[in-house]
Amino acid sequence: MSQHQGDEEPFYFSQRARFMDQLNLAAVSTAVSVSRHFIRLTLSKWHARAIEGDAALVVSELVTNAVRATGGVLDRQPTWSELDELNLVTVRMLGLPTSVVIEVWDVSPKNPVLTTPDDDTEGGRGLLLVQSLSSQWGSHRTPRGKVVWSELQVPGATSPVLPRRSRSQHSNVQPAARADPWLLRRVLVGLQPPGPTAAHPPR
């Protein structure tokens, strides 16, 4: 449950990821639920559903923090004019031989601070939950912000359990700092429940 923070290089940088999946999300409240679906689908594909519950809790906390840190909208749907100013949050999963690493990228350079809240404190418990569920976790800065990551061990994985691909490369992809407004509108419309107008667009 150790924490690694700042300029310290994460342990998994020295390992070759056997599998990787990534999702870019607008910094809005729906990013949290969409990230959970992404985690569940990916772990099912990787045959690592034993950690699905813990992984969903971890990504929920990390994405919520990332949306807040980037000035996203958590309490409502953004207005039309706000779409142009929204940043992106990136969720990336790395499959290692015996564990899975969840990364959440955002554009804020400030590293998360683990605090111990009082009994009367309403917030601040998210990172404590991440720490309790992770074998290790931490954060590091990037040219466009930071990454907060969590490692979850796959129970019983003493040998490679995740799907192997012929060639695995470490991805150097960077999350976009600013979302494309046209793409965001398409994403937000797609996440909303279908209505009469969506089901029968004007001809």
C-alpha atoms as a PDB file:
ATOM      1  CA  MET A   1       0.000   0.000   0.000  1.00  0.00           C
ATOM      2  CA  SER A   2       3.010   2.279  -0.457  1.00  0.00           C
ATOM      3  CA  GLN A   3       2.675   5.679  -2.077  1.00  0.00           C
ATOM      4  CA  HIS A   4       5.059   7.051  -4.704  1.00  0.00           C
ATOM      5  CA  GLN A   5       4.736  10.699  -5.593  1.00  0.00           C
ATOM      6  CA  GLY A   6       6.380  13.594  -7.379  1.00  0.00           C
ATOM      7  CA  ASP A   7       9.295  13.054  -9.758  1.00  0.00           C
ATOM      8  CA  GLU A   8       9.879   9.452  -8.663  1.00  0.00           C
ATOM      9  CA  GLU A   9       9.570   7.103 -11.632  1.00  0.00           C
ATOM     10  CA  PRO A  10       6.765   4.542 -11.162  1.00  0.00           C
ATOM     11  CA  PHE A  11       7.878   0.934 -10.809  1.00  0.00           C
ATOM     12  CA  TYR A  12       5.995  -0.188 -13.912  1.00  0.00           C
ATOM     13  CA  PHE A  13       8.022   2.078 -16.215  1.00  0.00           C
ATOM     14  CA  SER A  14      10.720  -0.584 -16.127  1.00  0.00           C
ATOM     15  CA  GLN A  15       8.284  -3.334 -17.140  1.00  0.00           C
ATOM     16  CA  ARG A  16       6.820  -4.097 -20.527  1.00  0.00           C
ATOM     17  CA  ALA A  17       3.041  -3.929 -20.441  1.00  0.00           C
ATOM     18  CA  ARG A  18       1.509  -7.072 -21.897  1.00  0.00           C
ATOM     19  CA  PHE A  19      -1.715  -5.279 -22.748  1.00  0.00           C
ATOM     20  CA  MET A  20      -3.000  -1.706 -22.755  1.00  0.00           C
ATOM     21  CA  ASP A  21      -6.377  -0.004 -23.213  1.00  0.00           C
ATOM     22  CA  GLN A  22      -7.205   3.697 -23.021  1.00  0.00           C
ATOM     23  CA  LEU A  23     -10.249   5.964 -22.927  1.00  0.00           C
ATOM     24  CA  ASN A  24     -10.454   9.765 -23.228  1.00  0.00           C
ATOM     25  CA  LEU A  25     -13.363  11.447 -21.440  1.00  0.00           C
ATOM     26  CA  ALA A  26     -14.702  14.979 -21.179  1.00  0.00           C
ATOM     27  CA  ALA A  27     -14.261  16.367 -17.652  1.00  0.00           C
ATOM     28  CA  VAL A  28     -17.934  16.067 -16.667  1.00  0.00           C
ATOM     29  CA  SER A  29     -19.855  14.003 -14.119  1.00  0.00           C
ATOM     30  CA  THR A  30     -20.662  11.217 -16.594  1.00  0.00           C
ATOM     31  CA  ALA A  31     -16.929  10.525 -16.929  1.00  0.00           C
ATOM     32  CA  VAL A  32     -17.065   8.654 -13.603  1.00  0.00           C
ATOM     33  CA  SER A  33     -19.742   6.136 -14.601  1.00  0.00           C
ATOM     34  CA  VAL A  34     -18.328   5.725 -18.109  1.00  0.00           C
ATOM     35  CA  SER A  35     -14.884   4.983 -16.656  1.00  0.00           C
ATOM     36  CA  ARG A  36     -16.387   2.222 -14.481  1.00  0.00           C
ATOM     37  CA  HIS A  37     -17.981   0.602 -17.538  1.00  0.00           C
ATOM     38  CA  PHE A  38     -14.663   0.845 -19.359  1.00  0.00           C
ATOM     39  CA  ILE A  39     -12.852  -0.840 -16.456  1.00  0.00           C
ATOM     40  CA  ARG A  40     -15.365  -3.686 -16.251  1.00  0.00           C
ATOM     41  CA  LEU A  41     -15.342  -4.356 -19.997  1.00  0.00           C
ATOM     42  CA  THR A  42     -11.554  -4.313 -20.149  1.00  0.00           C
ATOM     43  CA  LEU A  43     -11.071  -6.634 -17.176  1.00  0.00           C
ATOM     44  CA  SER A  44     -13.618  -9.046 -18.627  1.00  0.00           C
ATOM     45  CA  LYS A  45     -11.695  -9.058 -21.898  1.00  0.00           C
ATOM     46  CA  TRP A  46      -8.440  -9.625 -20.016  1.00  0.00           C
ATOM     47  CA  HIS A  47      -9.924 -12.484 -17.911  1.00  0.00           C
ATOM     48  CA  ALA A  48      -9.212 -10.544 -14.707  1.00  0.00           C
ATOM     49  CA  ARG A  49     -12.738 -10.024 -13.394  1.00  0.00           C
ATOM     50  CA  ALA A  50     -11.644 -11.029  -9.868  1.00  0.00           C
ATOM     51  CA  ILE A  51     -10.512  -7.427  -9.270  1.00  0.00           C
ATOM     52  CA  GLU A  52     -13.493  -5.788 -10.993  1.00  0.00           C
ATOM     53  CA  GLY A  53     -15.103  -4.440  -7.804  1.00  0.00           C
ATOM     54  CA  ASP A  54     -11.918  -2.925  -6.386  1.00  0.00           C
ATOM     55  CA  ALA A  55     -10.912  -1.525  -9.770  1.00  0.00           C
ATOM     56  CA  ALA A  56     -14.296   0.168 -10.237  1.00  0.00           C
ATOM     57  CA  LEU A  57     -13.998   1.853  -6.819  1.00  0.00           C
ATOM     58  CA  VAL A  58     -10.447   3.009  -7.527  1.00  0.00           C
ATOM     59  CA  VAL A  59     -11.206   4.472 -10.949  1.00  0.00           C
ATOM     60  CA  SER A  60     -14.320   6.214  -9.581  1.00  0.00           C
ATOM     61  CA  GLU A  61     -12.258   8.051  -6.979  1.00  0.00           C
ATOM     62  CA  LEU A  62      -9.396   8.899  -9.322  1.00  0.00           C
ATOM     63  CA  VAL A  63     -11.635  10.167 -12.126  1.00  0.00           C
ATOM     64  CA  THR A  64     -13.751  12.221  -9.705  1.00  0.00           C
ATOM     65  CA  ASN A  65     -10.581  13.864  -8.385  1.00  0.00           C
ATOM     66  CA  ALA A  66      -9.288  14.434 -11.920  1.00  0.00           C
ATOM     67  CA  VAL A  67     -12.503  16.136 -13.052  1.00  0.00           C
ATOM     68  CA  ARG A  68     -12.382  18.429 -10.022  1.00  0.00           C
ATOM     69  CA  ALA A  69      -8.687  19.175 -10.495  1.00  0.00           C
ATOM     70  CA  THR A  70      -9.188  20.211 -14.112  1.00  0.00           C
ATOM     71  CA  GLY A  71     -12.116  22.507 -13.354  1.00  0.00           C
ATOM     72  CA  GLY A  72     -14.649  20.112 -14.841  1.00  0.00           C
ATOM     73  CA  VAL A  73     -18.370  20.000 -14.170  1.00  0.00           C
ATOM     74  CA  LEU A  74     -19.532  17.401 -11.623  1.00  0.00           C
ATOM     75  CA  ASP A  75     -22.873  18.698 -10.355  1.00  0.00           C
ATOM     76  CA  ARG A  76     -24.724  19.243 -13.654  1.00  0.00           C
ATOM     77  CA  GLN A  77     -24.590  18.936 -17.423  1.00  0.00           C
ATOM     78  CA  PRO A  78     -22.347  21.626 -18.941  1.00  0.00           C
ATOM     79  CA  THR A  79     -23.923  24.398 -20.952  1.00  0.00           C
ATOM     80  CA  TRP A  80     -23.372  24.774 -24.681  1.00  0.00           C
ATOM     81  CA  SER A  81     -20.830  27.566 -24.199  1.00  0.00           C
ATOM     82  CA  GLU A  82     -18.916  25.597 -21.528  1.00  0.00           C
ATOM     83  CA  LEU A  83     -18.188  22.731 -23.916  1.00  0.00           C
ATOM     84  CA  ASP A  84     -15.482  24.739 -25.668  1.00  0.00           C
ATOM     85  CA  GLU A  85     -13.520  25.125 -22.413  1.00  0.00           C
ATOM     86  CA  LEU A  86     -13.681  21.549 -21.084  1.00  0.00           C
ATOM     87  CA  ASN A  87     -10.490  19.558 -20.639  1.00  0.00           C
ATOM     88  CA  LEU A  88     -10.106  15.833 -21.119  1.00  0.00           C
ATOM     89  CA  VAL A  89      -9.442  13.150 -18.518  1.00  0.00           C
ATOM     90  CA  THR A  90      -7.675  10.023 -19.757  1.00  0.00           C
ATOM     91  CA  VAL A  91      -8.069   6.571 -18.186  1.00  0.00           C
ATOM     92  CA  ARG A  92      -5.427   4.039 -19.189  1.00  0.00           C
ATOM     93  CA  MET A  93      -5.103   0.410 -18.066  1.00  0.00           C
ATOM     94  CA  LEU A  94      -1.861  -1.537 -18.252  1.00  0.00           C
ATOM     95  CA  GLY A  95      -1.834  -5.316 -17.933  1.00  0.00           C
ATOM     96  CA  LEU A  96       1.327  -6.586 -16.226  1.00  0.00           C
ATOM     97  CA  PRO A  97       2.166 -10.287 -15.641  1.00  0.00           C
ATOM     98  CA  THR A  98       0.483 -10.485 -12.202  1.00  0.00           C
ATOM     99  CA  SER A  99      -1.266  -7.143 -11.772  1.00  0.00           C
ATOM    100  CA  VAL A 100      -3.179  -4.346 -13.449  1.00  0.00           C
ATOM    101  CA  VAL A 101      -2.209  -0.680 -13.266  1.00  0.00           C
ATOM    102  CA  ILE A 102      -4.911   1.977 -13.606  1.00  0.00           C
ATOM    103  CA  GLU A 103      -3.696   5.410 -14.670  1.00  0.00           C
ATOM    104  CA  VAL A 104      -5.787   8.586 -14.670  1.00  0.00           C
ATOM    105  CA  TRP A 105      -4.307  11.564 -16.522  1.00  0.00           C
ATOM    106  CA  ASP A 106      -5.402  15.176 -16.092  1.00  0.00           C
ATOM    107  CA  VAL A 107      -4.053  18.619 -16.934  1.00  0.00           C
ATOM    108  CA  SER A 108      -3.503  19.809 -13.340  1.00  0.00           C
ATOM    109  CA  PRO A 109       0.172  19.796 -12.251  1.00  0.00           C
ATOM    110  CA  LYS A 110      -0.732  19.492  -8.546  1.00  0.00           C
ATOM    111  CA  ASN A 111      -0.075  16.047  -7.082  1.00  0.00           C
ATOM    112  CA  PRO A 112      -2.804  14.569  -4.861  1.00  0.00           C
ATOM    113  CA  VAL A 113      -2.350  14.890  -1.116  1.00  0.00           C
ATOM    114  CA  LEU A 114      -3.342  12.022   1.152  1.00  0.00           C
ATOM    115  CA  THR A 115      -5.019  13.346   4.302  1.00  0.00           C
ATOM    116  CA  THR A 116      -6.689  11.728   7.281  1.00  0.00           C
ATOM    117  CA  PRO A 117     -10.073  13.459   7.673  1.00  0.00           C
ATOM    118  CA  ASP A 118     -11.808  13.891  11.005  1.00  0.00           C
ATOM    119  CA  ASP A 119     -15.044  12.067  11.773  1.00  0.00           C
ATOM    120  CA  ASP A 120     -16.966  15.239  10.922  1.00  0.00           C
ATOM    121  CA  THR A 121     -15.210  15.762   7.585  1.00  0.00           C
ATOM    122  CA  GLU A 122     -17.428  14.986   4.598  1.00  0.00           C
ATOM    123  CA  GLY A 123     -14.713  14.669   1.937  1.00  0.00           C
ATOM    124  CA  GLY A 124     -11.107  13.588   1.699  1.00  0.00           C
ATOM    125  CA  ARG A 125     -11.628   9.866   2.085  1.00  0.00           C
ATOM    126  CA  GLY A 126     -11.236   8.990  -1.592  1.00  0.00           C
ATOM    127  CA  LEU A 127      -7.455   8.590  -1.591  1.00  0.00           C
ATOM    128  CA  LEU A 128      -7.613   6.594   1.656  1.00  0.00           C
ATOM    129  CA  LEU A 129      -9.862   4.141  -0.175  1.00  0.00           C
ATOM    130  CA  VAL A 130      -7.458   4.020  -3.121  1.00  0.00           C
ATOM    131  CA  GLN A 131      -4.576   3.355  -0.734  1.00  0.00           C
ATOM    132  CA  SER A 132      -6.430   0.561   1.059  1.00  0.00           C
ATOM    133  CA  LEU A 133      -7.325  -1.239  -2.184  1.00  0.00           C
ATOM    134  CA  SER A 134      -4.002  -0.819  -3.992  1.00  0.00           C
ATOM    135  CA  SER A 135      -0.832  -2.840  -3.554  1.00  0.00           C
ATOM    136  CA  GLN A 136       0.890   0.463  -4.313  1.00  0.00           C
ATOM    137  CA  TRP A 137      -0.152   3.776  -5.802  1.00  0.00           C
ATOM    138  CA  GLY A 138       1.242   7.192  -6.577  1.00  0.00           C
ATOM    139  CA  SER A 139       1.458  10.085  -8.986  1.00  0.00           C
ATOM    140  CA  HIS A 140       3.957  11.792 -11.257  1.00  0.00           C
ATOM    141  CA  ARG A 141       3.981  14.928 -13.337  1.00  0.00           C
ATOM    142  CA  THR A 142       3.815  15.013 -17.109  1.00  0.00           C
ATOM    143  CA  PRO A 143       4.467  17.845 -19.585  1.00  0.00           C
ATOM    144  CA  ARG A 144       0.702  18.453 -19.674  1.00  0.00           C
ATOM    145  CA  GLY A 145      -0.256  17.811 -16.059  1.00  0.00           C
ATOM    146  CA  LYS A 146      -0.027  14.670 -13.979  1.00  0.00           C
ATOM    147  CA  VAL A 147      -0.884  10.973 -13.766  1.00  0.00           C
ATOM    148  CA  VAL A 148      -2.302   9.292 -10.662  1.00  0.00           C
ATOM    149  CA  TRP A 149      -1.930   5.506 -10.752  1.00  0.00           C
ATOM    150  CA  SER A 150      -2.934   2.455  -8.747  1.00  0.00           C
ATOM    151  CA  GLU A 151      -1.696  -1.137  -8.946  1.00  0.00           C
ATOM    152  CA  LEU A 152      -4.118  -3.975  -8.206  1.00  0.00           C
ATOM    153  CA  GLN A 153      -2.838  -7.531  -7.857  1.00  0.00           C
ATOM    154  CA  VAL A 154      -4.741 -10.254  -9.717  1.00  0.00           C
ATOM    155  CA  PRO A 155      -5.465 -13.035  -7.154  1.00  0.00           C
ATOM    156  CA  GLY A 156      -3.650 -16.286  -7.851  1.00  0.00           C
ATOM    157  CA  ALA A 157      -1.621 -14.812 -10.705  1.00  0.00           C
ATOM    158  CA  THR A 158       1.752 -16.483 -10.249  1.00  0.00           C
ATOM    159  CA  SER A 159       2.302 -16.656 -13.997  1.00  0.00           C
ATOM    160  CA  PRO A 160       1.016 -14.524 -16.880  1.00  0.00           C
ATOM    161  CA  VAL A 161      -2.794 -14.548 -16.814  1.00  0.00           C
ATOM    162  CA  LEU A 162      -3.599 -11.688 -19.154  1.00  0.00           C
ATOM    163  CA  PRO A 163      -3.919 -12.093 -22.937  1.00  0.00           C
ATOM    164  CA  ARG A 164      -0.573 -11.929 -24.690  1.00  0.00           C
ATOM    165  CA  ARG A 165      -0.070 -10.004 -27.879  1.00  0.00           C
ATOM    166  CA  SER A 166       2.731 -10.600 -30.326  1.00  0.00           C
ATOM    167  CA  ARG A 167       4.521  -7.319 -29.704  1.00  0.00           C
ATOM    168  CA  SER A 168       3.988  -5.061 -26.692  1.00  0.00           C
ATOM    169  CA  GLN A 169       5.258  -1.529 -26.605  1.00  0.00           C
ATOM    170  CA  HIS A 170       5.185   1.096 -23.889  1.00  0.00           C
ATOM    171  CA  SER A 171       2.826   3.821 -25.035  1.00  0.00           C
ATOM    172  CA  ASN A 172       4.005   7.412 -24.840  1.00  0.00           C
ATOM    173  CA  VAL A 173       0.593   8.827 -25.732  1.00  0.00           C
ATOM    174  CA  GLN A 174      -0.311  12.079 -24.028  1.00  0.00           C
ATOM    175  CA  PRO A 175      -3.871  13.101 -23.161  1.00  0.00           C
ATOM    176  CA  ALA A 176      -5.211  16.081 -25.026  1.00  0.00           C
ATOM    177  CA  ALA A 177      -5.182  19.313 -23.024  1.00  0.00           C
ATOM    178  CA  ARG A 178      -8.313  20.710 -24.637  1.00  0.00           C
ATOM    179  CA  ALA A 179     -11.242  18.794 -26.052  1.00  0.00           C
ATOM    180  CA  ASP A 180     -12.612  19.240 -29.551  1.00  0.00           C
ATOM    181  CA  PRO A 181     -16.009  20.962 -28.996  1.00  0.00           C
ATOM    182  CA  TRP A 182     -17.643  19.137 -31.916  1.00  0.00           C
ATOM    183  CA  LEU A 183     -16.480  15.767 -30.566  1.00  0.00           C
ATOM    184  CA  LEU A 184     -17.619  16.635 -27.033  1.00  0.00           C
ATOM    185  CA  ARG A 185     -21.105  17.457 -28.254  1.00  0.00           C
ATOM    186  CA  ARG A 186     -21.292  14.100 -29.991  1.00  0.00           C
ATOM    187  CA  VAL A 187     -20.083  12.326 -26.810  1.00  0.00           C
ATOM    188  CA  LEU A 188     -22.503  14.162 -24.525  1.00  0.00           C
ATOM    189  CA  VAL A 189     -25.449  13.525 -26.814  1.00  0.00           C
ATOM    190  CA  GLY A 190     -24.521   9.863 -26.976  1.00  0.00           C
ATOM    191  CA  LEU A 191     -24.461   9.590 -23.175  1.00  0.00           C
ATOM    192  CA  GLN A 192     -27.889  11.111 -22.698  1.00  0.00           C
ATOM    193  CA  PRO A 193     -31.038   8.922 -22.673  1.00  0.00           C
ATOM    194  CA  PRO A 194     -32.667   8.827 -26.088  1.00  0.00           C
ATOM    195  CA  GLY A 195     -35.740  11.034 -26.494  1.00  0.00           C
ATOM    196  CA  PRO A 196     -38.214  11.708 -29.283  1.00  0.00           C
ATOM    197  CA  THR A 197     -35.902  14.238 -30.903  1.00  0.00           C
ATOM    198  CA  ALA A 198     -32.847  11.940 -30.719  1.00  0.00           C
ATOM    199  CA  ALA A 199     -34.793   8.932 -31.974  1.00  0.00           C
ATOM    200  CA  HIS A 200     -36.408  10.817 -34.860  1.00  0.00           C
ATOM    201  CA  PRO A 201     -34.111  13.606 -36.026  1.00  0.00           C
ATOM    202  CA  PRO A 202     -35.568  16.120 -38.448  1.00  0.00           C
ATOM    203  CA  ARG A 203     -35.121  15.293 -42.107  1.00  0.00           C
END
